[in-house]
């Protein structure tokens, strides 16, 4: 079976479009992953700050002994 130049060109074009689409999807995944990581780090920091404040309050109130 012999392929004509036009069908080879269209196959190449389709392949390029698919590759560009995959690259775009990969980039989107990386960016959203980065955003999620930053969000979870921020949430972790916020929880740590809240728990430290809670401990300080407990010591002030007298629930936790000062050591």
PDB file of N, CA and C in Angstrom:
ATOM      1  N   UNK A   1       0.848  -1.196   0.000  1.00  0.00           N
ATOM      2  CA  UNK A   1       0.000   0.000   0.000  1.00  0.00           C
ATOM      3  C   UNK A   1       0.884   1.246   0.000  1.00  0.00           C
ATOM      4  N   UNK A   2       0.620   2.135  -0.914  1.00  0.00           N
ATOM      5  CA  UNK A   2       1.428   3.353  -1.027  1.00  0.00           C
ATOM      6  C   UNK A   2       0.588   4.545  -0.568  1.00  0.00           C
ATOM      7  N   UNK A   3       1.151   5.328   0.333  1.00  0.00           N
ATOM      8  CA  UNK A   3       0.437   6.513   0.814  1.00  0.00           C
ATOM      9  C   UNK A   3       0.780   7.705  -0.062  1.00  0.00           C
ATOM     10  N   UNK A   4      -0.213   8.501  -0.343  1.00  0.00           N
ATOM     11  CA  UNK A   4       0.045   9.721  -1.119  1.00  0.00           C
ATOM     12  C   UNK A   4       0.639  10.784  -0.190  1.00  0.00           C
ATOM     13  N   UNK A   5       1.216  11.805  -0.776  1.00  0.00           N
ATOM     14  CA  UNK A   5       1.817  12.879   0.020  1.00  0.00           C
ATOM     15  C   UNK A   5       0.792  13.581   0.902  1.00  0.00           C
ATOM     16  N   UNK A   6      -0.416  13.786   0.373  1.00  0.00           N
ATOM     17  CA  UNK A   6      -1.437  14.496   1.152  1.00  0.00           C
ATOM     18  C   UNK A   6      -1.836  13.708   2.391  1.00  0.00           C
ATOM     19  N   UNK A   7      -1.978  12.384   2.261  1.00  0.00           N
ATOM     20  CA  UNK A   7      -2.351  11.607   3.441  1.00  0.00           C
ATOM     21  C   UNK A   7      -1.204  11.572   4.452  1.00  0.00           C
ATOM     22  N   UNK A   8       0.043  11.525   3.971  1.00  0.00           N
ATOM     23  CA  UNK A   8       1.185  11.590   4.887  1.00  0.00           C
ATOM     24  C   UNK A   8       1.218  12.926   5.620  1.00  0.00           C
ATOM     25  N   UNK A   9       0.943  14.000   4.883  1.00  0.00           N
ATOM     26  CA  UNK A   9       0.911  15.333   5.500  1.00  0.00           C
ATOM     27  C   UNK A   9      -0.179  15.419   6.559  1.00  0.00           C
ATOM     28  N   UNK A  10      -1.348  14.879   6.249  1.00  0.00           N
ATOM     29  CA  UNK A  10      -2.450  14.962   7.216  1.00  0.00           C
ATOM     30  C   UNK A  10      -2.152  14.115   8.455  1.00  0.00           C
ATOM     31  N   UNK A  11      -1.488  12.962   8.255  1.00  0.00           N
ATOM     32  CA  UNK A  11      -1.106  12.124   9.401  1.00  0.00           C
ATOM     33  C   UNK A  11      -0.105  12.875  10.274  1.00  0.00           C
ATOM     34  N   UNK A  12       0.876  13.499   9.634  1.00  0.00           N
ATOM     35  CA  UNK A  12       1.887  14.271  10.370  1.00  0.00           C
ATOM     36  C   UNK A  12       1.235  15.418  11.126  1.00  0.00           C
ATOM     37  N   UNK A  13       0.313  16.116  10.451  1.00  0.00           N
ATOM     38  CA  UNK A  13      -0.375  17.242  11.078  1.00  0.00           C
ATOM     39  C   UNK A  13      -1.180  16.762  12.285  1.00  0.00           C
ATOM     40  N   UNK A  14      -1.896  15.658  12.127  1.00  0.00           N
ATOM     41  CA  UNK A  14      -2.693  15.102  13.228  1.00  0.00           C
ATOM     42  C   UNK A  14      -1.798  14.729  14.399  1.00  0.00           C
ATOM     43  N   UNK A  15      -0.661  14.122  14.096  1.00  0.00           N
ATOM     44  CA  UNK A  15       0.287  13.716  15.131  1.00  0.00           C
ATOM     45  C   UNK A  15       0.805  14.933  15.893  1.00  0.00           C
ATOM     46  N   UNK A  16       1.139  15.996  15.159  1.00  0.00           N
ATOM     47  CA  UNK A  16       1.634  17.221  15.798  1.00  0.00           C
ATOM     48  C   UNK A  16       0.580  17.838  16.703  1.00  0.00           C
ATOM     49  N   UNK A  17      -0.656  17.859  16.230  1.00  0.00           N
ATOM     50  CA  UNK A  17      -1.754  18.421  17.028  1.00  0.00           C
ATOM     51  C   UNK A  17      -1.937  17.610  18.309  1.00  0.00           C
ATOM     52  N   UNK A  18      -1.881  16.284  18.189  1.00  0.00           N
ATOM     53  CA  UNK A  18      -2.024  15.422  19.368  1.00  0.00           C
ATOM     54  C   UNK A  18      -0.899  15.667  20.362  1.00  0.00           C
ATOM     55  N   UNK A  19       0.324  15.779  19.850  1.00  0.00           N
ATOM     56  CA  UNK A  19       1.464  16.015  20.735  1.00  0.00           C
ATOM     57  C   UNK A  19       1.338  17.350  21.449  1.00  0.00           C
ATOM     58  N   UNK A  20       0.894  18.379  20.728  1.00  0.00           N
ATOM     59  CA  UNK A  20       0.707  19.686  21.353  1.00  0.00           C
ATOM     60  C   UNK A  20      -0.368  19.609  22.434  1.00  0.00           C
ATOM     61  N   UNK A  21      -1.432  18.875  22.148  1.00  0.00           N
ATOM     62  CA  UNK A  21      -2.507  18.700  23.130  1.00  0.00           C
ATOM     63  C   UNK A  21      -2.004  18.011  24.377  1.00  0.00           C
ATOM     64  N   UNK A  22      -1.192  16.967  24.199  1.00  0.00           N
ATOM     65  CA  UNK A  22      -0.642  16.243  25.348  1.00  0.00           C
ATOM     66  C   UNK A  22       0.276  17.132  26.170  1.00  0.00           C
ATOM     67  N   UNK A  23       1.084  17.931  25.482  1.00  0.00           N
ATOM     68  CA  UNK A  23       1.998  18.840  26.169  1.00  0.00           C
ATOM     69  C   UNK A  23       1.212  19.848  26.997  1.00  0.00           C
ATOM     70  N   UNK A  24       0.138  20.362  26.391  1.00  0.00           N
ATOM     71  CA  UNK A  24      -0.700  21.341  27.087  1.00  0.00           C
ATOM     72  C   UNK A  24      -1.347  20.695  28.321  1.00  0.00           C
ATOM     73  N   UNK A  25      -1.834  19.463  28.168  1.00  0.00           N
ATOM     74  CA  UNK A  25      -2.446  18.762  29.297  1.00  0.00           C
ATOM     75  C   UNK A  25      -1.437  18.512  30.409  1.00  0.00           C
ATOM     76  N   UNK A  26      -0.207  18.113  30.017  1.00  0.00           N
ATOM     77  CA  UNK A  26       0.838  17.886  31.018  1.00  0.00           C
ATOM     78  C   UNK A  26       1.133  19.162  31.788  1.00  0.00           C
ATOM     79  N   UNK A  27       1.236  20.273  31.056  1.00  0.00           N
ATOM     80  CA  UNK A  27       1.540  21.555  31.682  1.00  0.00           C
ATOM     81  C   UNK A  27       0.423  21.954  32.646  1.00  0.00           C
ATOM     82  N   UNK A  28      -0.817  21.753  32.228  1.00  0.00           N
ATOM     83  CA  UNK A  28      -1.962  22.067  33.084  1.00  0.00           C
ATOM     84  C   UNK A  28      -1.919  21.229  34.357  1.00  0.00           C
ATOM     85  N   UNK A  29      -1.587  19.949  34.204  1.00  0.00           N
ATOM     86  CA  UNK A  29      -1.511  19.062  35.367  1.00  0.00           C
ATOM     87  C   UNK A  29      -0.424  19.515  36.325  1.00  0.00           C
ATOM     88  N   UNK A  30       0.727  19.892  35.781  1.00  0.00           N
ATOM     89  CA  UNK A  30       1.838  20.357  36.625  1.00  0.00           C
ATOM     90  C   UNK A  30       1.437  21.619  37.372  1.00  0.00           C
ATOM     91  N   UNK A  31       0.809  22.554  36.664  1.00  0.00           N
ATOM     92  CA  UNK A  31       0.416  23.819  37.290  1.00  0.00           C
ATOM     93  C   UNK A  31      -0.623  23.599  38.381  1.00  0.00           C
ATOM     94  N   UNK A  32      -1.629  22.757  38.119  1.00  0.00           N
ATOM     95  CA  UNK A  32      -2.662  22.537  39.131  1.00  0.00           C
ATOM     96  C   UNK A  32      -2.085  21.775  40.321  1.00  0.00           C
ATOM     97  N   UNK A  33      -1.136  20.884  40.053  1.00  0.00           N
ATOM     98  CA  UNK A  33      -0.461  20.163  41.133  1.00  0.00           C
ATOM     99  C   UNK A  33       0.296  21.128  42.029  1.00  0.00           C
ATOM    100  N   UNK A  34       0.990  22.082  41.407  1.00  0.00           N
ATOM    101  CA  UNK A  34       1.759  23.069  42.159  1.00  0.00           C
ATOM    102  C   UNK A  34       0.822  23.887  43.037  1.00  0.00           C
ATOM    103  N   UNK A  35      -0.319  24.273  42.463  1.00  0.00           N
ATOM    104  CA  UNK A  35      -1.289  25.072  43.203  1.00  0.00           C
ATOM    105  C   UNK A  35      -1.816  24.283  44.406  1.00  0.00           C
ATOM    106  N   UNK A  36      -2.142  22.999  44.186  1.00  0.00           N
ATOM    107  CA  UNK A  36      -2.642  22.160  45.270  1.00  0.00           C
ATOM    108  C   UNK A  36      -1.595  21.977  46.356  1.00  0.00           C
ATOM    109  N   UNK A  37      -0.332  21.804  45.948  1.00  0.00           N
ATOM    110  CA  UNK A  37       0.745  21.643  46.925  1.00  0.00           C
ATOM    111  C   UNK A  37       0.885  22.901  47.760  1.00  0.00           C
ATOM    112  N   UNK A  38       0.873  24.054  47.087  1.00  0.00           N
ATOM    113  CA  UNK A  38       0.984  25.316  47.817  1.00  0.00           C
ATOM    114  C   UNK A  38      -0.183  25.479  48.778  1.00  0.00           C
ATOM    115  N   UNK A  39      -1.383  25.098  48.346  1.00  0.00           N
ATOM    116  CA  UNK A  39      -2.565  25.236  49.188  1.00  0.00           C
ATOM    117  C   UNK A  39      -2.432  24.347  50.422  1.00  0.00           C
ATOM    118  N   UNK A  40      -1.979  23.095  50.219  1.00  0.00           N
ATOM    119  CA  UNK A  40      -1.891  22.180  51.357  1.00  0.00           C
ATOM    120  C   UNK A  40      -0.795  22.613  52.323  1.00  0.00           C
ATOM    121  N   UNK A  41       0.313  23.175  51.794  1.00  0.00           N
ATOM    122  CA  UNK A  41       1.370  23.681  52.681  1.00  0.00           C
ATOM    123  C   UNK A  41       0.818  24.844  53.502  1.00  0.00           C
ATOM    124  N   UNK A  42       0.083  25.738  52.839  1.00  0.00           N
ATOM    125  CA  UNK A  42      -0.499  26.884  53.532  1.00  0.00           C
ATOM    126  C   UNK A  42      -1.469  26.414  54.614  1.00  0.00           C
ATOM    127  N   UNK A  43      -2.318  25.423  54.280  1.00  0.00           N
ATOM    128  CA  UNK A  43      -3.272  24.899  55.255  1.00  0.00           C
ATOM    129  C   UNK A  43      -2.527  24.273  56.433  1.00  0.00           C
ATOM    130  N   UNK A  44      -1.443  23.561  56.136  1.00  0.00           N
ATOM    131  CA  UNK A  44      -0.635  22.953  57.200  1.00  0.00           C
ATOM    132  C   UNK A  44      -0.059  24.011  58.119  1.00  0.00           C
ATOM    133  N   UNK A  45       0.451  25.093  57.526  1.00  0.00           N
ATOM    134  CA  UNK A  45       1.014  26.183  58.327  1.00  0.00           C
ATOM    135  C   UNK A  45      -0.077  26.825  59.175  1.00  0.00           C
ATOM    136  N   UNK A  46      -1.248  27.024  58.583  1.00  0.00           N
ATOM    137  CA  UNK A  46      -2.354  27.642  59.314  1.00  0.00           C
ATOM    138  C   UNK A  46      -2.755  26.765  60.500  1.00  0.00           C
ATOM    139  N   UNK A  47      -2.827  25.431  60.275  1.00  0.00           N
ATOM    140  CA  UNK A  47      -3.186  24.519  61.364  1.00  0.00           C
ATOM    141  C   UNK A  47      -2.139  24.547  62.462  1.00  0.00           C
ATOM    142  N   UNK A  48      -0.857  24.614  62.080  1.00  0.00           N
ATOM    143  CA  UNK A  48       0.222  24.649  63.069  1.00  0.00           C
ATOM    144  C   UNK A  48       0.127  25.915  63.912  1.00  0.00           C
ATOM    145  N   UNK A  49      -0.144  27.046  63.268  1.00  0.00           N
ATOM    146  CA  UNK A  49      -0.264  28.317  63.994  1.00  0.00           C
ATOM    147  C   UNK A  49      -1.447  28.258  64.952  1.00  0.00           C
ATOM    148  N   UNK A  50      -2.569  27.707  64.476  1.00  0.00           N
ATOM    149  CA  UNK A  50      -3.761  27.601  65.324  1.00  0.00           C
ATOM    150  C   UNK A  50      -3.469  26.718  66.538  1.00  0.00           C
ATOM    151  N   UNK A  51      -2.782  25.576  66.317  1.00  0.00           N
ATOM    152  CA  UNK A  51      -2.534  24.676  67.441  1.00  0.00           C
ATOM    153  C   UNK A  51      -1.555  25.292  68.440  1.00  0.00           C
ATOM    154  N   UNK A  52      -0.564  26.057  67.965  1.00  0.00           N
ATOM    155  CA  UNK A  52       0.358  26.739  68.881  1.00  0.00           C
ATOM    156  C   UNK A  52      -0.406  27.768  69.702  1.00  0.00           C
ATOM    157  N   UNK A  53      -1.274  28.526  69.043  1.00  0.00           N
ATOM    158  CA  UNK A  53      -2.090  29.506  69.773  1.00  0.00           C
ATOM    159  C   UNK A  53      -2.990  28.816  70.794  1.00  0.00           C
ATOM    160  N   UNK A  54      -3.535  27.661  70.418  1.00  0.00           N
ATOM    161  CA  UNK A  54      -4.391  26.918  71.344  1.00  0.00           C
ATOM    162  C   UNK A  54      -3.587  26.461  72.563  1.00  0.00           C
ATOM    163  N   UNK A  55      -2.360  25.988  72.340  1.00  0.00           N
ATOM    164  CA  UNK A  55      -1.507  25.564  73.461  1.00  0.00           C
ATOM    165  C   UNK A  55      -1.192  26.735  74.385  1.00  0.00           C
ATOM    166  N   UNK A  56      -0.867  27.884  73.802  1.00  0.00           N
ATOM    167  CA  UNK A  56      -0.564  29.076  74.614  1.00  0.00           C
ATOM    168  C   UNK A  56      -1.782  29.445  75.455  1.00  0.00           C
ATOM    169  N   UNK A  57      -2.960  29.386  74.848  1.00  0.00           N
ATOM    170  CA  UNK A  57      -4.193  29.717  75.565  1.00  0.00           C
ATOM    171  C   UNK A  57      -4.429  28.725  76.703  1.00  0.00           C
ATOM    172  N   UNK A  58      -4.185  27.422  76.435  1.00  0.00           N
ATOM    173  CA  UNK A  58      -4.377  26.404  77.477  1.00  0.00           C
ATOM    174  C   UNK A  58      -3.445  26.646  78.654  1.00  0.00           C
ATOM    175  N   UNK A  59      -2.217  27.032  78.378  1.00  0.00           N
ATOM    176  CA  UNK A  59      -1.258  27.325  79.449  1.00  0.00           C
ATOM    177  C   UNK A  59      -1.734  28.537  80.240  1.00  0.00           C
ATOM    178  N   UNK A  60      -2.209  29.566  79.534  1.00  0.00           N
ATOM    179  CA  UNK A  60      -2.703  30.782  80.190  1.00  0.00           C
ATOM    180  C   UNK A  60      -3.898  30.475  81.082  1.00  0.00           C
ATOM    181  N   UNK A  61      -4.800  29.648  80.600  1.00  0.00           N
ATOM    182  CA  UNK A  61      -6.014  29.322  81.351  1.00  0.00           C
ATOM    183  C   UNK A  61      -5.679  28.389  82.513  1.00  0.00           C
ATOM    184  N   UNK A  62      -4.649  27.563  82.347  1.00  0.00           N
ATOM    185  CA  UNK A  62      -4.241  26.667  83.415  1.00  0.00           C
ATOM    186  C   UNK A  62      -4.583  25.217  83.151  1.00  0.00           C
ATOM    187  N   UNK A  63      -5.055  24.894  81.941  1.00  0.00           N
ATOM    188  CA  UNK A  63      -5.363  23.503  81.611  1.00  0.00           C
ATOM    189  C   UNK A  63      -4.061  22.721  81.461  1.00  0.00           C
ATOM    190  N   UNK A  64      -3.090  23.340  80.758  1.00  0.00           N
ATOM    191  CA  UNK A  64      -1.798  22.680  80.549  1.00  0.00           C
ATOM    192  C   UNK A  64      -0.804  23.248  81.554  1.00  0.00           C
ATOM    193  N   UNK A  65      -0.051  22.382  82.208  1.00  0.00           N
ATOM    194  CA  UNK A  65       0.954  22.890  83.159  1.00  0.00           C
ATOM    195  C   UNK A  65       2.122  23.532  82.417  1.00  0.00           C
ATOM    196  N   UNK A  66       2.674  24.581  83.000  1.00  0.00           N
ATOM    197  CA  UNK A  66       3.860  25.211  82.403  1.00  0.00           C
ATOM    198  C   UNK A  66       5.055  24.336  82.734  1.00  0.00           C
ATOM    199  N   UNK A  67       5.835  23.967  81.729  1.00  0.00           N
ATOM    200  CA  UNK A  67       7.011  23.126  81.999  1.00  0.00           C
ATOM    201  C   UNK A  67       8.269  23.838  81.570  1.00  0.00           C
TER     202      UNK A  67
END
